[in-house]
Protein backbone atom coordinates (compact mmCIF):
# COMPACT_ATOMS: atom_id res chain seq x y z
CA UNK A 1 0.06 0.26 -0.22
CA UNK A 2 1.37 3.66 -0.45
CA UNK A 3 2.29 5.93 1.79
CA UNK A 4 -0.39 8.58 0.91
CA UNK A 5 -3.11 6.07 0.73
CA UNK A 6 -1.95 4.94 4.08
CA UNK A 7 -2.01 8.76 5.27
CA UNK A 8 -5.74 9.33 3.76
CA UNK A 9 -7.38 6.31 5.66
CA UNK A 10 -6.14 7.71 9.06
CA UNK A 11 -8.40 9.83 11.16
CA UNK A 12 -7.62 13.67 10.57
CA UNK A 13 -6.28 13.47 14.76
CA UNK A 14 -3.34 11.04 13.97
CA UNK A 15 -2.53 12.50 10.60
CA UNK A 16 -1.84 16.25 12.91
CA UNK A 17 -0.04 13.90 15.77
CA UNK A 18 2.57 12.76 13.02
CA UNK A 19 2.73 16.23 11.52
CA UNK A 20 3.60 17.79 14.70
CA UNK A 21 6.38 14.51 15.46
CA UNK A 22 8.02 15.48 12.33
CA UNK A 23 8.44 18.88 12.97
CA UNK A 24 9.89 18.32 16.67
CA UNK A 25 12.54 16.11 14.73
CA UNK A 26 13.09 18.46 12.49
CA UNK A 27 13.50 21.35 15.11
CA UNK A 28 15.60 19.01 17.04
CA UNK A 29 18.26 18.09 14.17
CA UNK A 30 18.34 21.98 13.10
CA UNK A 31 19.23 22.93 16.86
CA UNK A 32 22.50 23.44 17.81
CA UNK A 33 24.54 20.46 19.78
CA UNK A 34 24.64 22.20 23.32
CA UNK A 35 22.38 24.70 24.64
CA UNK A 36 23.66 29.16 24.75
CA UNK A 37 24.67 28.80 28.38
CA UNK A 38 27.03 26.08 27.62
CA UNK A 39 27.99 27.20 24.22
CA UNK A 40 29.44 30.73 25.73
CA UNK A 41 31.01 28.28 28.32
CA UNK A 42 32.89 26.36 26.02
CA UNK A 43 33.88 29.68 23.62
CA UNK A 44 34.91 31.34 26.53
CA UNK A 45 37.08 28.86 28.26
CA UNK A 46 38.59 28.60 24.54
CA UNK A 47 39.50 32.05 24.28
CA UNK A 48 41.48 31.96 27.43
CA UNK A 49 43.31 29.11 26.69
CA UNK A 50 44.27 31.06 23.44
CA UNK A 51 45.86 33.76 25.94
CA UNK A 52 47.42 31.33 27.72
CA UNK A 53 49.11 29.57 24.61
CA UNK A 54 49.96 33.18 23.64
CA UNK A 55 52.17 34.01 26.86
CA UNK A 56 53.92 31.22 26.19
CA UNK A 57 55.96 33.26 23.67
CA UNK A 58 56.83 35.46 26.48
CA UNK A 59 58.19 32.13 28.27
CA UNK A 60 59.94 31.56 25.41
CA UNK A 61 61.63 35.02 24.75
CA UNK A 62 62.95 35.08 28.71
CA UNK A 63 63.80 31.56 28.91
CA UNK A 64 66.11 31.61 25.64
CA UNK A 65 67.30 35.38 26.64
CA UNK A 66 68.54 34.25 30.32
CA UNK A 67 70.07 31.12 28.67
CA UNK A 68 72.27 32.84 26.43
CA UNK A 69 75.03 35.79 27.08
CA UNK A 70 73.88 39.33 27.33
CA UNK A 71 75.48 40.87 24.38
CA UNK A 72 72.65 38.76 22.54
CA UNK A 73 69.44 39.82 24.29
CA UNK A 74 67.77 41.83 21.76
CA UNK A 75 68.67 39.78 19.05
CA UNK A 76 67.02 37.07 20.85
CA UNK A 77 64.04 39.17 21.64
CA UNK A 78 63.77 40.78 18.64
CA UNK A 79 63.34 37.02 16.80
CA UNK A 80 60.88 35.89 19.11
CA UNK A 81 58.73 39.41 18.96
CA UNK A 82 58.87 38.49 14.44
CA UNK A 83 58.03 34.73 14.98
CA UNK A 84 54.42 35.84 16.66
CA UNK A 85 53.92 38.34 14.42
CA UNK A 86 54.74 36.33 11.05
CA UNK A 87 53.05 33.17 12.56
CA UNK A 88 49.68 35.36 13.46
CA UNK A 89 49.71 36.68 10.04
CA UNK A 90 50.70 33.85 7.51
CA UNK A 91 48.30 31.71 9.20
CA UNK A 92 45.47 33.90 8.52
CA UNK A 93 46.59 34.52 4.89
CA UNK A 94 47.41 30.22 4.05
CA UNK A 95 48.28 28.60 7.11
CA UNK A 96 44.69 27.86 8.91
CA UNK A 97 42.88 26.49 5.27
CA UNK A 98 46.41 24.48 4.70
CA UNK A 99 45.89 22.49 7.98
CA UNK A 100 42.54 22.44 7.79
CA UNK A 101 41.67 22.04 3.91
CA UNK A 102 38.39 20.36 4.96
CA UNK A 103 37.37 18.22 1.30
CA UNK A 104 39.71 20.40 -1.07
CA UNK A 105 42.71 18.57 -2.00
CA UNK A 106 45.38 19.07 -4.24
CA UNK A 107 47.28 15.85 -3.44
CA UNK A 108 44.88 13.10 -2.72
CA UNK A 109 44.14 10.37 -0.02
CA UNK A 110 45.32 13.39 3.20
CA UNK A 111 48.51 14.57 1.72
CA UNK A 112 48.00 17.83 1.00
CA UNK A 113 44.83 19.99 0.75
CA UNK A 114 43.82 23.86 0.47
CA UNK A 115 40.45 25.46 1.29
CA UNK A 116 41.44 28.60 -0.13
CA UNK A 117 43.35 31.96 1.14
CA UNK A 118 42.22 34.39 3.81
CA UNK A 119 39.49 34.16 6.28
CA UNK A 120 35.92 33.33 5.39
CA UNK A 121 33.64 32.12 8.03
CA UNK A 122 29.65 31.56 7.12
CA UNK A 123 26.95 32.89 9.34
CA UNK A 124 26.73 29.67 10.88
CA UNK A 125 30.11 29.55 11.77
CA UNK A 126 30.44 31.76 14.64
CA UNK A 127 27.59 30.07 16.17
CA UNK A 128 27.08 26.69 18.16
CA UNK A 129 26.24 24.79 14.65
CA UNK A 130 30.21 24.94 14.22
CA UNK A 131 32.21 22.77 15.58
CA UNK A 132 29.18 20.55 18.06
CA UNK A 133 29.36 24.00 20.36
CA UNK A 134 32.52 23.89 21.15
CA UNK A 135 33.86 27.36 20.02
CA UNK A 136 33.44 29.29 17.16
CA UNK A 137 35.31 30.17 13.85
CA UNK A 138 37.08 33.13 14.60
CA UNK A 139 37.68 31.18 18.39
CA UNK A 140 39.27 28.22 16.24
CA UNK A 141 41.66 30.17 13.72
CA UNK A 142 42.69 32.25 16.92
CA UNK A 143 43.67 29.43 19.22
CA UNK A 144 45.70 27.29 16.29
CA UNK A 145 47.18 30.75 15.42
CA UNK A 146 49.11 30.53 18.84
CA UNK A 147 50.18 26.77 18.19
CA UNK A 148 51.35 27.83 14.75
CA UNK A 149 54.42 30.24 15.67
CA UNK A 150 55.95 27.78 18.69
CA UNK A 151 57.36 25.96 16.39
CA UNK A 152 59.69 28.60 15.02
CA UNK A 153 60.20 29.73 18.61
CA UNK A 154 61.74 26.52 19.33
CA UNK A 155 64.14 26.49 16.36
CA UNK A 156 65.26 30.02 17.48
CA UNK A 157 66.98 29.19 20.67
CA UNK A 158 69.17 26.21 19.19
CA UNK A 159 70.25 28.76 16.95
CA UNK A 160 71.11 31.38 19.27
CA UNK A 161 74.13 33.67 19.20
CA UNK A 162 75.51 32.89 15.66
CA UNK A 163 72.55 32.84 13.20
CA UNK A 164 72.01 36.36 10.71
CA UNK A 165 68.69 37.68 11.31
CA UNK A 166 67.86 37.96 7.90
CA UNK A 167 68.07 34.50 7.27
CA UNK A 168 66.15 33.36 10.40
CA UNK A 169 63.16 35.96 9.69
CA UNK A 170 62.72 34.19 6.15
CA UNK A 171 63.53 30.44 7.36
CA UNK A 172 60.98 31.03 9.87
CA UNK A 173 58.09 32.45 7.44
CA UNK A 174 58.57 29.74 5.26
CA UNK A 175 58.54 27.09 7.91
CA UNK A 176 55.63 28.05 9.75
CA UNK A 177 53.37 28.90 6.51
CA UNK A 178 54.12 25.71 4.94
CA UNK A 179 56.06 23.01 6.79
CA UNK A 180 53.98 23.45 9.79
CA UNK A 181 50.59 23.35 8.34
CA UNK A 182 51.43 20.54 5.69
CA UNK A 183 52.69 17.77 8.36
CA UNK A 184 50.02 19.35 10.95
CA UNK A 185 47.19 18.80 8.57
CA UNK A 186 48.03 14.96 8.37
CA UNK A 187 47.13 14.56 11.57
CA UNK A 188 44.59 17.28 13.24
CA UNK A 189 43.16 18.30 9.57
CA UNK A 190 41.98 14.83 9.39
CA UNK A 191 44.85 13.76 6.89
CA UNK A 192 46.39 10.20 6.26
CA UNK A 193 47.91 9.41 9.79
CA UNK A 194 44.68 10.38 11.19
CA UNK A 195 42.90 7.74 9.06
CA UNK A 196 45.73 5.68 9.95
CA UNK A 197 44.89 6.09 14.02
CA UNK A 198 48.12 8.28 14.89
CA UNK A 199 47.20 10.07 18.15
CA UNK A 200 48.83 13.26 19.61
CA UNK A 201 46.43 14.85 20.99
CA UNK A 202 48.50 18.86 21.40
CA UNK A 203 51.28 17.97 19.83
CA UNK A 204 54.02 16.09 21.15
CA UNK A 205 55.13 15.39 17.38
CA UNK A 206 52.80 18.13 15.42
CA UNK A 207 54.34 21.34 17.11
CA UNK A 208 57.71 20.00 19.38
CA UNK A 209 58.98 17.68 17.10
CA UNK A 210 58.61 19.73 14.20
CA UNK A 211 60.69 22.62 15.87
CA UNK A 212 62.68 19.84 17.04
CA UNK A 213 63.73 19.02 13.64
CA UNK A 214 63.79 22.45 12.58
CA UNK A 215 66.53 23.09 15.16
CA UNK A 216 68.67 20.03 14.51
CA UNK A 217 68.78 20.90 10.62
CA UNK A 218 69.79 24.73 11.74
CA UNK A 219 72.07 23.71 14.32
CA UNK A 220 74.18 21.07 11.95
CA UNK A 221 74.03 23.46 9.24
CA UNK A 222 75.51 26.61 11.20
CA UNK A 223 78.28 24.98 13.28
CA UNK A 224 79.02 25.54 17.24
CA UNK A 225 79.61 28.88 18.82
CA UNK A 226 83.05 30.41 18.34
CA UNK A 227 84.92 29.15 21.72
CA UNK A 228 82.12 25.82 22.50
CA UNK A 229 84.71 23.35 21.56
CA UNK A 230 88.33 23.83 22.18
CA UNK A 231 91.07 22.10 19.47
CA UNK A 232 91.97 19.85 22.02
CA UNK A 233 88.61 18.19 22.11
CA UNK A 234 87.12 19.58 25.53
CA UNK A 235 83.74 21.13 26.01
CA UNK A 236 83.92 24.85 26.85
CA UNK A 237 80.71 25.68 28.95
CA UNK A 238 79.15 28.83 27.78
CA UNK A 239 77.17 30.33 30.82
CA UNK A 240 73.96 32.07 30.00
CA UNK A 241 73.01 35.85 31.28
CA UNK A 242 70.38 35.42 33.59
CA UNK A 243 68.75 32.18 35.39
CA UNK A 244 65.97 34.30 37.05
CA UNK A 245 65.16 35.07 33.80
CA UNK A 246 65.19 31.42 32.58
CA UNK A 247 63.20 30.60 35.25
CA UNK A 248 60.65 33.21 35.18
CA UNK A 249 60.55 31.53 31.48
CA UNK A 250 59.97 28.25 32.35
CA UNK A 251 57.39 28.84 35.16
CA UNK A 252 55.46 31.20 32.27
CA UNK A 253 56.00 27.86 29.90
CA UNK A 254 54.18 25.86 32.50
CA UNK A 255 51.49 28.01 32.91
CA UNK A 256 51.01 28.49 29.06
CA UNK A 257 50.65 25.12 28.81
CA UNK A 258 47.27 24.72 31.04
CA UNK A 259 45.91 26.60 27.54
CA UNK A 260 48.49 24.43 25.52
CA UNK A 261 46.84 21.19 26.85
CA UNK A 262 43.66 22.12 28.21
CA UNK A 263 42.65 24.27 25.30
CA UNK A 264 43.33 20.87 23.08
CA UNK A 265 40.29 19.56 24.56
CA UNK A 266 38.62 22.08 22.43
CA UNK A 267 35.45 22.64 24.91
CA UNK A 268 35.29 23.28 28.48
CA UNK A 269 34.05 19.62 29.47
CA UNK A 270 35.08 19.82 33.10
CA UNK A 271 36.18 16.18 33.28
CA UNK A 272 38.05 16.01 30.60
CA UNK A 273 40.00 19.57 30.70
CA UNK A 274 40.30 19.00 34.93
CA UNK A 275 41.96 15.09 33.85
CA UNK A 276 44.20 16.87 31.07
CA UNK A 277 45.49 19.53 33.41
CA UNK A 278 46.13 17.39 36.48
CA UNK A 279 47.88 14.80 34.25
CA UNK A 280 50.05 17.84 32.56
CA UNK A 281 51.11 18.82 36.02
CA UNK A 282 52.44 15.51 37.68
CA UNK A 283 54.27 15.17 34.44
CA UNK A 284 56.10 18.51 34.63
CA UNK A 285 56.80 17.90 38.18
CA UNK A 286 57.85 14.15 38.18
CA UNK A 287 60.09 15.41 34.87
CA UNK A 288 61.84 18.45 36.95
CA UNK A 289 62.26 16.08 40.18
CA UNK A 290 64.31 13.66 37.73
CA UNK A 291 66.21 15.72 36.04
CA UNK A 292 67.46 17.50 39.24
CA UNK A 293 68.27 14.03 40.90
CA UNK A 294 69.91 12.59 37.93
CA UNK A 295 71.94 15.76 36.74
CA UNK A 296 73.12 16.07 40.87
CA UNK A 297 74.13 12.29 40.44
CA UNK A 298 76.59 12.79 37.72
CA UNK A 299 77.71 16.00 38.13
CA UNK A 300 77.60 16.24 42.23
CA UNK A 301 76.20 19.35 42.23
CA UNK A 302 72.40 20.47 41.62
CA UNK A 303 71.92 22.07 38.38
CA UNK A 304 68.67 24.77 38.02
CA UNK A 305 69.50 24.51 34.27
CA UNK A 306 68.97 20.84 34.23
CA UNK A 307 65.74 20.92 36.52
CA UNK A 308 64.48 23.55 34.28
CA UNK A 309 64.89 21.59 31.34
CA UNK A 310 63.40 18.65 33.23
CA UNK A 311 59.94 20.27 33.65
CA UNK A 312 59.78 21.22 30.03
CA UNK A 313 60.80 17.58 28.96
CA UNK A 314 57.90 16.54 31.29
CA UNK A 315 55.50 19.02 29.79
CA UNK A 316 56.37 18.10 26.19
CA UNK A 317 56.53 13.96 26.97
CA UNK A 318 52.72 14.25 28.70
CA UNK A 319 51.26 17.11 25.62
CA UNK A 320 50.54 13.90 22.89
CA UNK A 321 48.72 11.95 25.55
CA UNK A 322 47.55 14.50 28.31
CA UNK A 323 43.65 13.20 27.74
CA UNK A 324 44.27 9.86 27.96
CA UNK A 325 46.94 8.91 30.91
CA UNK A 326 46.29 7.93 34.52
CA UNK A 327 47.47 9.49 37.37
CA UNK A 328 50.35 6.64 37.35
CA UNK A 329 51.28 7.16 33.76
CA UNK A 330 51.53 10.61 33.51
CA UNK A 331 54.12 10.36 36.41
CA UNK A 332 55.80 7.53 34.67
CA UNK A 333 55.87 9.46 31.42
CA UNK A 334 57.13 12.66 33.01
CA UNK A 335 60.18 10.56 34.76
CA UNK A 336 61.08 9.12 31.89
CA UNK A 337 61.64 12.16 30.05
CA UNK A 338 63.28 14.34 32.41
CA UNK A 339 65.46 11.31 32.87
CA UNK A 340 66.30 11.71 28.94
CA UNK A 341 66.71 15.08 28.47
CA UNK A 342 69.77 14.92 31.02
CA UNK A 343 71.63 11.71 28.87
CA UNK A 344 70.28 13.99 25.35
CA UNK A 345 71.66 17.39 26.49
CA UNK A 346 75.44 15.49 27.45
CA UNK A 347 75.09 13.74 24.67
CA UNK A 348 74.62 16.18 22.23
CA UNK A 349 77.08 17.81 23.61
CA UNK A 350 79.61 15.39 23.30
CA UNK A 351 78.53 14.92 19.77
CA UNK A 352 79.75 19.03 19.47
CA UNK A 353 76.05 19.85 18.10
CA UNK A 354 75.91 23.08 19.67
CA UNK A 355 72.37 24.01 21.47
CA UNK A 356 72.56 26.79 23.66
CA UNK A 357 69.11 26.15 25.04
CA UNK A 358 68.70 22.26 25.06
CA UNK A 359 65.60 22.72 22.53
CA UNK A 360 66.48 19.32 20.94
CA UNK A 361 66.76 17.52 23.60
CA UNK A 362 63.75 19.25 25.03
CA UNK A 363 61.01 19.10 22.04
CA UNK A 364 62.65 16.73 19.66
CA UNK A 365 64.01 13.67 21.83
CA UNK A 366 61.10 13.91 24.80
CA UNK A 367 58.39 14.97 21.89
CA UNK A 368 59.48 11.65 20.21
CA UNK A 369 59.00 9.81 23.86
CA UNK A 370 55.49 11.05 24.41
CA UNK A 371 54.47 10.38 21.02
CA UNK A 372 55.12 6.35 21.63
CA UNK A 373 53.85 6.43 25.34
CA UNK A 374 50.64 6.73 23.76
CA UNK A 375 50.86 3.86 22.36
CA UNK A 376 52.29 2.64 25.51
CA UNK A 377 50.19 4.17 28.24
CA UNK A 378 47.48 5.19 26.18
CA UNK A 379 45.46 1.58 26.02
CA UNK A 380 44.53 -1.31 23.63
CA UNK A 381 43.60 1.03 20.79
CA UNK A 382 46.32 3.04 20.26
CA UNK A 383 49.48 1.19 18.64
CA UNK A 384 53.35 1.71 19.15
CA UNK A 385 53.77 0.80 15.50
CA UNK A 386 51.61 3.71 13.91
CA UNK A 387 52.69 5.96 16.72
CA UNK A 388 56.27 5.06 15.14
CA UNK A 389 54.86 5.80 11.86
CA UNK A 390 54.01 9.40 12.49
CA UNK A 391 57.60 9.88 14.27
CA UNK A 392 59.03 8.80 11.02
CA UNK A 393 57.11 10.83 8.78
CA UNK A 394 57.45 13.69 10.33
CA UNK A 395 61.01 13.56 10.99
CA UNK A 396 61.49 12.68 7.61
CA UNK A 397 59.35 15.54 6.03
CA UNK A 398 60.61 18.45 8.57
CA UNK A 399 64.04 17.63 8.77
CA UNK A 400 64.25 17.42 5.11
CA UNK A 401 62.59 20.71 4.55
CA UNK A 402 64.51 22.62 7.46
CA UNK A 403 67.50 21.15 5.80
CA UNK A 404 65.90 22.44 2.15
CA UNK A 405 65.40 26.07 3.49
CA UNK A 406 68.58 26.58 5.37
CA UNK A 407 70.47 24.92 2.89
CA UNK A 408 69.20 27.34 0.08
CA UNK A 409 69.97 30.22 2.67
CA UNK A 410 73.55 29.26 3.38
CA UNK A 411 74.45 28.76 -0.15
CA UNK A 412 72.63 32.54 -1.29
CA UNK A 413 72.29 35.41 1.56
CA UNK A 414 74.40 33.06 3.88
CA UNK A 415 73.45 31.57 7.90
CA UNK A 416 75.85 32.78 9.80
CA UNK A 417 77.02 36.65 10.76
CA UNK A 418 81.03 37.36 10.50
CA UNK A 419 83.50 36.17 13.46
CA UNK A 420 83.54 40.28 14.68
CA UNK A 421 79.98 40.35 14.81
CA UNK A 422 79.89 36.85 17.18
CA UNK A 423 82.54 38.24 19.19
CA UNK A 424 80.85 41.60 19.47
CA UNK A 425 77.85 40.42 20.30
CA UNK A 426 74.34 40.29 17.88
CA UNK A 427 72.96 43.53 19.75
CA UNK A 428 75.42 45.63 18.37
CA UNK A 429 76.43 43.39 15.31
CA UNK A 430 72.99 43.32 14.05
CA UNK A 431 70.69 45.86 15.79
CA UNK A 432 73.15 48.64 16.62
CA UNK A 433 72.06 48.25 20.32
CA UNK A 434 72.10 46.84 23.64
CA UNK A 435 69.89 45.33 25.74
CA UNK A 436 71.58 46.59 28.90
CA UNK A 437 73.00 49.61 27.85
CA UNK A 438 73.87 51.25 31.46
CA UNK A 439 75.40 47.62 32.27
CA UNK A 440 77.86 46.73 29.66
CA UNK A 441 80.54 48.66 27.81
CA UNK A 442 82.92 47.70 24.80
CA UNK A 443 86.68 47.72 24.82
CA UNK A 444 88.73 49.65 22.18
CA UNK A 445 89.02 45.89 20.88
CA UNK A 446 85.33 45.20 20.20
CA UNK A 447 84.83 42.37 22.90
CA UNK A 448 81.97 43.22 25.13
CA UNK A 449 83.52 41.77 28.57
CA UNK A 450 80.31 41.74 30.33
CA UNK A 451 78.40 39.44 27.88
């Protein structure tokens, strides 16, 4: 019997009832996923989280300034300022739509897509209809843009005190606009690694290892700072200018990680956000303790710089699976990261790879560990093998891309400042100014004794 025949045979009351049910179902389907109150709470938390991630750039700036010499402070601060500005602009112009291309494919299979230039939300994109009521389109862009510049900031510390400012600025622009966003789309943009089941909650690999691979490429092509390694093979320690600044930087970064990991829940879900913040703090604390104890046992003296890097190592390590871990797992991940960072810093130094702030050890080595830890501690649905495939894919692509960019720059405009500029300090050589004019002097030989 046809449907219209059935309807004609029904009494008027039944027809009206069916019509009412149909209307109710249609309204329910069209209604936002959450109430206006929950949507407002979600979006407010995501905007706050974006602000916390933004504060991390101040943390990186102070940490790098503290762990390098005072004669290069202005240069460090200038680079960090530039990175934030260029990162936000390039992410708005092309990066956001490369990283989240939707159905627009240039290379199929989730390898490369591009949804178009600029930011053009529809009317619905700034309502609860967007992202299941977690946040608006504008908040989505803002939160993700704060992440984008971080990858180049990691590189900044590793190549500090000898790279040309112009070369670094060009590298940062290309790396953030194209490399970070393309590889980011493989997981967070629904690309091929996401389909495979690779998991990286907030960026142990997608942010930290990406920056770490870029840092490694830059350090290898630049070579060590003058005087770091003697002709006799001995390693010369080059102390930073301010441990108070470095300590402030680490605590600012720890604070920023509340937004980095907590915001990656992508809503204000009370249970999941609070779990994520607890696992983040547990890993940071255990990483700091592990690095303190191990470095103290090895050097016979408590080393503040190692303790600070241990905290960062724990934070980087937990970032890939902060939403999955139980208390004991988070502590274990932080402990392993804290031990790893101590031995990595020592081994890299012995290999005569000069990394003034330990960025490669913290972000690359511990980023890899944190990503693999998801397969170990995250549960049966997460595979170490799949996580390893992701690590290798990012390593080959990011290291190769960074080598190419730095290599082209080295062959064209050059990567490294002159020996005279390096001796004098990049503040005077590149900027013609000093970060501490009242506390530094320059001798007639051009050497800056106080730095």
